N, C-alpha and C. Protein backbone atom coordinates (compact mmCIF):
# COMPACT_ATOMS: atom_id res chain seq x y z
N MET A 1 14.19 2.37 31.93
CA MET A 1 12.84 2.76 32.25
C MET A 1 12.54 2.63 33.75
N ILE A 2 13.27 1.77 34.43
CA ILE A 2 12.99 1.53 35.85
C ILE A 2 13.90 2.42 36.69
N THR A 3 13.27 3.18 37.60
CA THR A 3 14.04 4.09 38.46
C THR A 3 13.89 3.76 39.94
N LYS A 4 12.97 2.86 40.29
CA LYS A 4 12.79 2.46 41.69
C LYS A 4 13.65 1.23 41.99
N ARG A 5 13.91 1.00 43.26
CA ARG A 5 14.71 -0.16 43.67
C ARG A 5 13.92 -1.44 43.43
N THR A 6 14.60 -2.45 42.86
CA THR A 6 13.90 -3.67 42.48
C THR A 6 14.29 -4.88 43.33
N ARG A 7 15.39 -4.79 44.07
CA ARG A 7 15.78 -5.89 44.96
C ARG A 7 16.04 -5.31 46.35
N ILE A 8 15.23 -5.75 47.27
CA ILE A 8 15.33 -5.23 48.63
C ILE A 8 15.58 -6.40 49.58
N THR A 9 16.70 -6.33 50.31
CA THR A 9 17.05 -7.34 51.33
C THR A 9 17.28 -6.61 52.65
N GLU A 10 17.62 -7.39 53.69
CA GLU A 10 17.91 -6.78 54.98
C GLU A 10 19.15 -5.90 54.91
N ALA A 11 20.10 -6.30 54.10
CA ALA A 11 21.39 -5.61 54.06
C ALA A 11 21.43 -4.44 53.08
N PHE A 12 20.77 -4.56 51.93
CA PHE A 12 20.90 -3.50 50.91
C PHE A 12 19.68 -3.45 49.99
N GLN A 13 19.62 -2.37 49.22
CA GLN A 13 18.56 -2.16 48.22
C GLN A 13 19.23 -1.72 46.92
N THR A 14 18.88 -2.40 45.80
CA THR A 14 19.52 -2.06 44.52
C THR A 14 18.49 -2.04 43.39
N ILE A 15 18.88 -1.36 42.34
CA ILE A 15 18.10 -1.39 41.10
C ILE A 15 18.83 -2.37 40.18
N ILE A 16 18.44 -3.63 40.29
CA ILE A 16 19.14 -4.67 39.54
C ILE A 16 18.31 -5.18 38.36
N ASP A 17 17.00 -5.11 38.44
CA ASP A 17 16.11 -5.57 37.36
C ASP A 17 15.74 -4.36 36.51
N LEU A 18 16.11 -4.40 35.24
CA LEU A 18 15.97 -3.23 34.38
C LEU A 18 15.19 -3.56 33.11
N ILE A 19 14.70 -2.51 32.48
CA ILE A 19 14.06 -2.62 31.17
C ILE A 19 14.72 -1.57 30.28
N PHE A 20 15.26 -2.01 29.15
CA PHE A 20 15.88 -1.10 28.20
C PHE A 20 15.00 -1.01 26.95
N VAL A 21 14.84 0.21 26.44
CA VAL A 21 14.07 0.42 25.22
C VAL A 21 14.85 1.34 24.29
N ASN A 22 14.56 1.22 23.01
CA ASN A 22 15.22 2.12 22.05
C ASN A 22 14.29 3.21 21.54
N ASN A 23 13.04 3.20 22.00
CA ASN A 23 12.08 4.21 21.57
C ASN A 23 11.18 4.55 22.76
N SER A 24 11.63 5.45 23.61
CA SER A 24 10.91 5.74 24.84
C SER A 24 9.60 6.49 24.61
N GLN A 25 9.39 7.05 23.41
CA GLN A 25 8.13 7.75 23.14
C GLN A 25 6.95 6.79 23.09
N ARG A 26 7.21 5.52 22.83
CA ARG A 26 6.12 4.54 22.74
C ARG A 26 5.75 3.96 24.10
N ILE A 27 6.53 4.23 25.15
CA ILE A 27 6.25 3.69 26.48
C ILE A 27 5.16 4.53 27.14
N ILE A 28 4.09 3.88 27.55
CA ILE A 28 2.99 4.56 28.23
C ILE A 28 3.25 4.64 29.72
N ARG A 29 3.70 3.51 30.30
CA ARG A 29 3.90 3.45 31.75
C ARG A 29 4.89 2.35 32.08
N SER A 30 5.69 2.58 33.08
CA SER A 30 6.58 1.53 33.60
C SER A 30 6.62 1.68 35.12
N ASP A 31 6.75 0.55 35.80
CA ASP A 31 6.71 0.62 37.26
C ASP A 31 7.27 -0.68 37.85
N VAL A 32 7.33 -0.69 39.19
CA VAL A 32 7.81 -1.84 39.95
C VAL A 32 6.68 -2.28 40.87
N ILE A 33 6.42 -3.59 40.90
CA ILE A 33 5.39 -4.13 41.77
C ILE A 33 6.08 -5.03 42.80
N ARG A 34 5.85 -4.72 44.07
CA ARG A 34 6.45 -5.53 45.15
C ARG A 34 5.68 -6.84 45.26
N CYS A 35 6.39 -7.94 45.40
CA CYS A 35 5.73 -9.23 45.60
C CYS A 35 6.47 -10.00 46.70
N SER A 36 5.74 -10.83 47.41
CA SER A 36 6.31 -11.52 48.56
C SER A 36 6.96 -12.85 48.20
N LEU A 37 6.94 -13.23 46.94
CA LEU A 37 7.51 -14.51 46.54
C LEU A 37 9.04 -14.48 46.49
N SER A 38 9.59 -13.30 46.28
CA SER A 38 11.04 -13.19 46.11
C SER A 38 11.51 -11.85 46.64
N ASP A 39 12.84 -11.73 46.78
CA ASP A 39 13.36 -10.42 47.16
C ASP A 39 13.50 -9.52 45.93
N HIS A 40 13.24 -10.07 44.74
CA HIS A 40 13.19 -9.27 43.51
C HIS A 40 11.75 -8.84 43.28
N SER A 41 11.57 -7.59 42.93
CA SER A 41 10.23 -7.09 42.60
C SER A 41 9.96 -7.32 41.11
N LEU A 42 8.70 -7.28 40.80
CA LEU A 42 8.27 -7.47 39.42
C LEU A 42 8.37 -6.12 38.70
N VAL A 43 9.02 -6.12 37.55
CA VAL A 43 9.09 -4.88 36.76
C VAL A 43 8.24 -5.06 35.50
N PHE A 44 7.64 -3.96 35.03
CA PHE A 44 6.83 -4.03 33.82
C PHE A 44 6.84 -2.70 33.12
N CYS A 45 6.46 -2.75 31.86
CA CYS A 45 6.22 -1.51 31.11
C CYS A 45 5.13 -1.79 30.09
N MET A 46 4.33 -0.77 29.82
CA MET A 46 3.28 -0.85 28.81
C MET A 46 3.67 0.10 27.68
N PHE A 47 3.50 -0.38 26.45
CA PHE A 47 3.87 0.47 25.33
C PHE A 47 2.76 0.47 24.28
N LYS A 48 2.77 1.51 23.47
CA LYS A 48 1.80 1.63 22.39
C LYS A 48 2.18 0.63 21.31
N ALA A 49 1.23 -0.18 20.93
CA ALA A 49 1.48 -1.16 19.87
C ALA A 49 0.82 -0.68 18.58
N GLY A 50 1.11 -1.34 17.52
CA GLY A 50 0.49 -1.03 16.25
C GLY A 50 1.50 -0.53 15.24
N VAL A 51 1.06 -0.49 14.03
CA VAL A 51 1.90 -0.05 12.92
C VAL A 51 1.47 1.35 12.53
N SER A 52 2.42 2.22 12.36
CA SER A 52 2.08 3.56 11.93
C SER A 52 1.60 3.51 10.49
N LYS A 53 0.51 4.17 10.21
CA LYS A 53 -0.09 4.13 8.89
C LYS A 53 0.33 5.33 8.08
N ALA A 54 0.39 5.12 6.80
CA ALA A 54 0.69 6.21 5.89
C ALA A 54 -0.53 7.12 5.81
N PRO A 55 -0.32 8.39 5.52
CA PRO A 55 -1.48 9.27 5.38
C PRO A 55 -2.30 8.84 4.17
N PRO A 56 -3.62 9.02 4.23
CA PRO A 56 -4.44 8.60 3.09
C PRO A 56 -4.10 9.43 1.86
N ARG A 57 -4.25 8.80 0.70
CA ARG A 57 -4.01 9.51 -0.56
C ARG A 57 -5.26 9.40 -1.41
N THR A 58 -5.44 10.34 -2.29
CA THR A 58 -6.61 10.38 -3.15
C THR A 58 -6.23 9.86 -4.53
N ILE A 59 -7.01 8.92 -5.02
CA ILE A 59 -6.79 8.41 -6.37
C ILE A 59 -8.00 8.73 -7.22
N LYS A 60 -7.78 8.85 -8.53
CA LYS A 60 -8.86 9.08 -9.48
C LYS A 60 -9.02 7.82 -10.32
N TYR A 61 -10.27 7.48 -10.62
CA TYR A 61 -10.55 6.31 -11.44
C TYR A 61 -11.85 6.53 -12.20
N ARG A 62 -12.04 5.76 -13.25
CA ARG A 62 -13.29 5.82 -14.00
C ARG A 62 -14.26 4.79 -13.42
N SER A 63 -15.47 5.23 -13.16
CA SER A 63 -16.50 4.35 -12.62
C SER A 63 -17.33 3.80 -13.77
N TYR A 64 -17.30 2.48 -13.92
CA TYR A 64 -18.08 1.80 -14.94
C TYR A 64 -19.37 1.21 -14.36
N LYS A 65 -19.79 1.74 -13.25
CA LYS A 65 -20.96 1.20 -12.55
C LYS A 65 -22.22 1.28 -13.42
N HIS A 66 -22.41 2.41 -14.09
CA HIS A 66 -23.61 2.61 -14.89
C HIS A 66 -23.30 2.58 -16.40
N TYR A 67 -22.19 1.97 -16.76
CA TYR A 67 -21.78 1.90 -18.17
C TYR A 67 -22.73 0.98 -18.94
N ASN A 68 -23.15 1.45 -20.11
CA ASN A 68 -24.04 0.66 -20.97
C ASN A 68 -23.34 0.51 -22.31
N LYS A 69 -22.93 -0.71 -22.64
CA LYS A 69 -22.14 -0.91 -23.85
C LYS A 69 -22.96 -0.77 -25.13
N GLN A 70 -24.27 -0.66 -25.03
CA GLN A 70 -25.09 -0.43 -26.22
C GLN A 70 -25.14 1.05 -26.57
N PHE A 71 -25.21 1.93 -25.56
CA PHE A 71 -25.32 3.36 -25.81
C PHE A 71 -23.97 4.03 -26.09
N PHE A 72 -22.89 3.45 -25.61
CA PHE A 72 -21.57 4.07 -25.80
C PHE A 72 -21.20 4.20 -27.28
N PRO A 73 -21.27 3.13 -28.10
CA PRO A 73 -20.95 3.29 -29.53
C PRO A 73 -21.91 4.25 -30.24
N GLN A 74 -23.15 4.23 -29.77
CA GLN A 74 -24.13 5.15 -30.38
C GLN A 74 -23.75 6.60 -30.12
N ASP A 75 -23.35 6.92 -28.91
CA ASP A 75 -22.95 8.28 -28.57
C ASP A 75 -21.67 8.67 -29.31
N LEU A 76 -20.78 7.72 -29.54
CA LEU A 76 -19.58 8.01 -30.33
C LEU A 76 -19.96 8.34 -31.78
N ARG A 77 -20.93 7.60 -32.34
CA ARG A 77 -21.39 7.88 -33.70
C ARG A 77 -22.10 9.23 -33.79
N ASP A 78 -22.84 9.60 -32.74
CA ASP A 78 -23.61 10.85 -32.75
C ASP A 78 -22.74 12.09 -32.53
N THR A 79 -21.50 11.90 -32.11
CA THR A 79 -20.62 13.04 -31.86
C THR A 79 -20.21 13.66 -33.20
N ASN A 80 -20.16 14.98 -33.23
CA ASN A 80 -19.79 15.71 -34.45
C ASN A 80 -18.26 15.76 -34.56
N TRP A 81 -17.69 14.79 -35.28
CA TRP A 81 -16.24 14.70 -35.42
C TRP A 81 -15.71 15.65 -36.48
N THR A 82 -16.53 16.06 -37.41
CA THR A 82 -16.06 16.93 -38.50
C THR A 82 -15.69 18.31 -37.99
N ALA A 83 -16.29 18.74 -36.89
CA ALA A 83 -15.96 20.06 -36.35
C ALA A 83 -14.50 20.14 -35.90
N SER A 84 -13.96 19.02 -35.46
CA SER A 84 -12.56 19.03 -35.02
C SER A 84 -11.61 19.05 -36.21
N LEU A 85 -12.08 18.65 -37.40
CA LEU A 85 -11.23 18.66 -38.59
C LEU A 85 -11.18 20.03 -39.25
N ASP A 86 -12.05 20.93 -38.87
CA ASP A 86 -12.10 22.27 -39.46
C ASP A 86 -11.00 23.18 -38.94
N GLU A 87 -10.30 22.77 -37.90
CA GLU A 87 -9.23 23.58 -37.31
C GLU A 87 -8.06 23.66 -38.28
N CYS A 88 -7.37 24.80 -38.29
CA CYS A 88 -6.19 24.98 -39.15
C CYS A 88 -4.94 24.41 -38.49
N ASP A 89 -4.88 24.51 -37.19
CA ASP A 89 -3.70 24.07 -36.44
C ASP A 89 -3.86 22.59 -36.07
N THR A 90 -2.81 21.81 -36.26
CA THR A 90 -2.86 20.38 -35.95
C THR A 90 -3.07 20.15 -34.46
N ASP A 91 -2.37 20.92 -33.62
CA ASP A 91 -2.52 20.78 -32.16
C ASP A 91 -3.96 21.07 -31.73
N ALA A 92 -4.55 22.09 -32.32
CA ALA A 92 -5.94 22.43 -31.98
C ALA A 92 -6.89 21.32 -32.42
N THR A 93 -6.62 20.72 -33.56
CA THR A 93 -7.45 19.62 -34.05
C THR A 93 -7.39 18.43 -33.10
N VAL A 94 -6.17 18.07 -32.69
CA VAL A 94 -6.00 16.95 -31.77
C VAL A 94 -6.66 17.25 -30.43
N ASN A 95 -6.45 18.45 -29.90
CA ASN A 95 -7.07 18.83 -28.62
C ASN A 95 -8.59 18.79 -28.70
N ASN A 96 -9.15 19.27 -29.82
CA ASN A 96 -10.60 19.27 -30.01
C ASN A 96 -11.12 17.83 -30.05
N TRP A 97 -10.43 16.97 -30.79
CA TRP A 97 -10.82 15.56 -30.89
C TRP A 97 -10.75 14.88 -29.53
N CYS A 98 -9.65 15.11 -28.79
CA CYS A 98 -9.50 14.52 -27.45
C CYS A 98 -10.59 15.01 -26.51
N GLN A 99 -10.94 16.28 -26.60
CA GLN A 99 -12.00 16.82 -25.74
C GLN A 99 -13.34 16.16 -26.03
N ARG A 100 -13.63 15.93 -27.31
CA ARG A 100 -14.91 15.31 -27.68
C ARG A 100 -14.99 13.87 -27.19
N ILE A 101 -13.91 13.12 -27.37
CA ILE A 101 -13.95 11.71 -26.93
C ILE A 101 -13.95 11.63 -25.41
N THR A 102 -13.27 12.55 -24.74
CA THR A 102 -13.26 12.58 -23.28
C THR A 102 -14.66 12.90 -22.74
N ASP A 103 -15.36 13.79 -23.43
CA ASP A 103 -16.73 14.12 -23.02
C ASP A 103 -17.64 12.88 -23.08
N VAL A 104 -17.48 12.07 -24.12
CA VAL A 104 -18.29 10.85 -24.23
C VAL A 104 -17.90 9.87 -23.13
N PHE A 105 -16.58 9.72 -22.89
CA PHE A 105 -16.14 8.83 -21.80
C PHE A 105 -16.67 9.31 -20.46
N ASP A 106 -16.61 10.62 -20.22
CA ASP A 106 -17.09 11.17 -18.94
C ASP A 106 -18.59 10.94 -18.76
N GLN A 107 -19.31 10.94 -19.86
CA GLN A 107 -20.75 10.73 -19.77
C GLN A 107 -21.07 9.28 -19.37
N HIS A 108 -20.31 8.33 -19.91
CA HIS A 108 -20.60 6.91 -19.67
C HIS A 108 -19.83 6.33 -18.48
N ALA A 109 -18.62 6.83 -18.25
CA ALA A 109 -17.79 6.33 -17.15
C ALA A 109 -17.11 7.53 -16.50
N PRO A 110 -17.84 8.24 -15.63
CA PRO A 110 -17.29 9.47 -15.05
C PRO A 110 -16.08 9.19 -14.15
N ILE A 111 -15.21 10.19 -14.06
CA ILE A 111 -14.04 10.10 -13.19
C ILE A 111 -14.48 10.39 -11.76
N LYS A 112 -14.12 9.50 -10.85
CA LYS A 112 -14.45 9.68 -9.44
C LYS A 112 -13.17 9.70 -8.62
N LYS A 113 -13.27 10.25 -7.43
CA LYS A 113 -12.14 10.30 -6.51
C LYS A 113 -12.42 9.40 -5.32
N MET A 114 -11.36 8.79 -4.79
CA MET A 114 -11.51 7.92 -3.64
C MET A 114 -10.27 8.06 -2.76
N LYS A 115 -10.49 8.11 -1.46
CA LYS A 115 -9.37 8.12 -0.52
C LYS A 115 -8.95 6.69 -0.24
N VAL A 116 -7.66 6.44 -0.31
CA VAL A 116 -7.12 5.11 -0.08
C VAL A 116 -6.23 5.19 1.16
N LYS A 117 -6.55 4.36 2.15
CA LYS A 117 -5.72 4.28 3.34
C LYS A 117 -4.77 3.12 3.17
N GLY A 118 -3.68 3.17 3.88
CA GLY A 118 -2.75 2.06 3.75
C GLY A 118 -1.61 2.16 4.73
N VAL A 119 -0.84 1.11 4.75
CA VAL A 119 0.35 1.05 5.58
C VAL A 119 1.52 1.53 4.74
N ASN A 120 2.36 2.33 5.33
CA ASN A 120 3.52 2.84 4.63
C ASN A 120 4.51 1.69 4.39
N ILE A 121 4.81 1.41 3.14
CA ILE A 121 5.75 0.36 2.78
C ILE A 121 6.93 1.03 2.08
N PRO A 122 7.96 1.37 2.81
CA PRO A 122 9.05 2.14 2.21
C PRO A 122 9.84 1.38 1.16
N TRP A 123 9.84 0.06 1.20
CA TRP A 123 10.63 -0.71 0.25
C TRP A 123 9.90 -0.97 -1.05
N MET A 124 8.61 -0.65 -1.12
CA MET A 124 7.85 -0.88 -2.35
C MET A 124 8.10 0.26 -3.33
N THR A 125 8.62 -0.08 -4.49
CA THR A 125 8.88 0.90 -5.54
C THR A 125 8.01 0.59 -6.74
N ALA A 126 7.96 1.51 -7.69
CA ALA A 126 7.18 1.29 -8.91
C ALA A 126 7.75 0.11 -9.69
N GLU A 127 9.07 -0.01 -9.72
CA GLU A 127 9.71 -1.11 -10.44
C GLU A 127 9.34 -2.46 -9.81
N LEU A 128 9.39 -2.53 -8.48
CA LEU A 128 9.04 -3.77 -7.78
C LEU A 128 7.56 -4.11 -7.99
N SER A 129 6.71 -3.11 -7.94
CA SER A 129 5.28 -3.33 -8.17
C SER A 129 5.03 -3.87 -9.57
N GLN A 130 5.72 -3.32 -10.56
CA GLN A 130 5.59 -3.79 -11.95
C GLN A 130 6.04 -5.24 -12.07
N THR A 131 7.15 -5.58 -11.41
CA THR A 131 7.67 -6.95 -11.44
C THR A 131 6.68 -7.91 -10.78
N MET A 132 6.04 -7.48 -9.69
CA MET A 132 5.03 -8.32 -9.03
C MET A 132 3.81 -8.54 -9.93
N GLN A 133 3.41 -7.50 -10.65
CA GLN A 133 2.28 -7.66 -11.58
C GLN A 133 2.62 -8.64 -12.69
N GLU A 134 3.84 -8.55 -13.21
CA GLU A 134 4.27 -9.50 -14.25
C GLU A 134 4.26 -10.93 -13.70
N ARG A 135 4.76 -11.10 -12.47
CA ARG A 135 4.75 -12.42 -11.83
C ARG A 135 3.33 -12.96 -11.72
N ASP A 136 2.41 -12.12 -11.27
CA ASP A 136 1.02 -12.55 -11.10
C ASP A 136 0.37 -12.90 -12.44
N ASN A 137 0.70 -12.12 -13.48
CA ASN A 137 0.15 -12.42 -14.81
C ASN A 137 0.67 -13.76 -15.32
N HIS A 138 1.95 -14.04 -15.08
CA HIS A 138 2.51 -15.32 -15.50
C HIS A 138 1.90 -16.48 -14.71
N LEU A 139 1.59 -16.25 -13.45
CA LEU A 139 0.94 -17.30 -12.65
C LEU A 139 -0.44 -17.61 -13.21
N LYS A 140 -1.21 -16.57 -13.52
CA LYS A 140 -2.55 -16.79 -14.09
C LYS A 140 -2.47 -17.57 -15.40
N LYS A 141 -1.50 -17.17 -16.23
CA LYS A 141 -1.34 -17.85 -17.52
C LYS A 141 -0.96 -19.31 -17.31
N ALA A 142 -0.04 -19.58 -16.37
CA ALA A 142 0.39 -20.95 -16.10
C ALA A 142 -0.75 -21.80 -15.55
N GLN A 143 -1.55 -21.22 -14.66
CA GLN A 143 -2.69 -21.96 -14.10
C GLN A 143 -3.74 -22.25 -15.17
N LYS A 144 -3.89 -21.33 -16.10
CA LYS A 144 -4.91 -21.50 -17.14
C LYS A 144 -4.48 -22.51 -18.20
N THR A 145 -3.22 -22.39 -18.66
CA THR A 145 -2.77 -23.25 -19.76
C THR A 145 -2.15 -24.56 -19.29
N LYS A 146 -1.56 -24.56 -18.09
CA LYS A 146 -0.89 -25.72 -17.52
C LYS A 146 0.33 -26.17 -18.33
N TYR A 147 0.93 -25.26 -19.10
CA TYR A 147 2.13 -25.57 -19.87
C TYR A 147 3.36 -25.44 -19.00
N ALA A 148 4.33 -26.32 -19.21
CA ALA A 148 5.55 -26.32 -18.41
C ALA A 148 6.35 -25.04 -18.61
N ASN A 149 6.41 -24.53 -19.83
CA ASN A 149 7.19 -23.30 -20.06
C ASN A 149 6.56 -22.09 -19.38
N HIS A 150 5.23 -22.08 -19.24
CA HIS A 150 4.58 -20.98 -18.51
C HIS A 150 4.88 -21.08 -17.02
N TRP A 151 4.88 -22.31 -16.48
CA TRP A 151 5.23 -22.49 -15.07
C TRP A 151 6.67 -22.09 -14.83
N SER A 152 7.56 -22.42 -15.76
CA SER A 152 8.97 -22.05 -15.63
C SER A 152 9.13 -20.53 -15.64
N SER A 153 8.40 -19.87 -16.53
CA SER A 153 8.46 -18.40 -16.60
C SER A 153 7.93 -17.78 -15.30
N TYR A 154 6.86 -18.36 -14.76
CA TYR A 154 6.32 -17.85 -13.49
C TYR A 154 7.35 -18.00 -12.38
N ARG A 155 8.00 -19.18 -12.28
CA ARG A 155 8.99 -19.40 -11.22
C ARG A 155 10.16 -18.44 -11.33
N GLN A 156 10.58 -18.13 -12.54
CA GLN A 156 11.66 -17.16 -12.73
C GLN A 156 11.25 -15.80 -12.21
N ARG A 157 10.03 -15.38 -12.54
CA ARG A 157 9.53 -14.07 -12.06
C ARG A 157 9.39 -14.07 -10.54
N ARG A 158 8.93 -15.18 -9.98
CA ARG A 158 8.77 -15.29 -8.52
C ARG A 158 10.12 -15.13 -7.82
N CYS A 159 11.14 -15.81 -8.33
CA CYS A 159 12.48 -15.71 -7.74
C CYS A 159 13.03 -14.30 -7.88
N LEU A 160 12.76 -13.66 -9.02
CA LEU A 160 13.22 -12.29 -9.23
C LEU A 160 12.58 -11.35 -8.21
N VAL A 161 11.27 -11.49 -7.99
CA VAL A 161 10.57 -10.65 -7.00
C VAL A 161 11.15 -10.89 -5.62
N ASN A 162 11.35 -12.14 -5.24
CA ASN A 162 11.91 -12.44 -3.92
C ASN A 162 13.29 -11.82 -3.74
N ARG A 163 14.12 -11.89 -4.77
CA ARG A 163 15.47 -11.28 -4.69
C ARG A 163 15.37 -9.77 -4.50
N LYS A 164 14.48 -9.14 -5.28
CA LYS A 164 14.35 -7.69 -5.19
C LYS A 164 13.81 -7.27 -3.82
N VAL A 165 12.86 -8.02 -3.27
CA VAL A 165 12.32 -7.69 -1.95
C VAL A 165 13.40 -7.82 -0.89
N ARG A 166 14.19 -8.88 -0.95
CA ARG A 166 15.25 -9.09 0.05
C ARG A 166 16.30 -8.00 0.00
N THR A 167 16.63 -7.51 -1.20
CA THR A 167 17.66 -6.47 -1.30
C THR A 167 17.14 -5.13 -0.81
N ARG A 168 15.83 -4.92 -0.84
CA ARG A 168 15.25 -3.65 -0.39
C ARG A 168 15.08 -3.59 1.12
N MET A 169 14.92 -4.73 1.78
CA MET A 169 14.62 -4.73 3.22
C MET A 169 15.87 -4.56 4.03
């Protein structure tokens, strides 16, 4: 990164103080500053810091914000289920039934979309995420019950997660 002479004496001038980088696109500026304390000049470089983020993704979820557990069973009872049984085709009957129950769910807990930002974690897989969830569930159970076999099960899951993370990195 340094192209100017960094050591200047009466006899010679050399580029002896250097900065090496493996990603020059992140370097904003590099230069040499002359100082009177030594015959070596001060070298520096400024680079862009930070972690590159993954692009945001959209997830769908059911919002239970306005869910009322008293009206939900009532709306299920008020739905005309016999109309779905009048179909001749089994697939049509199942589709009709699913549509009716989905309509009730959508009324009480509508599907919403949300953008999720995050850091790109290339080593995180669905399998590893599932193993981490199992570990966390075993920890909750161990903390709640305080049984030795639950703590042992949690420690086994913890060690398994650690092994899987180390092999991925």
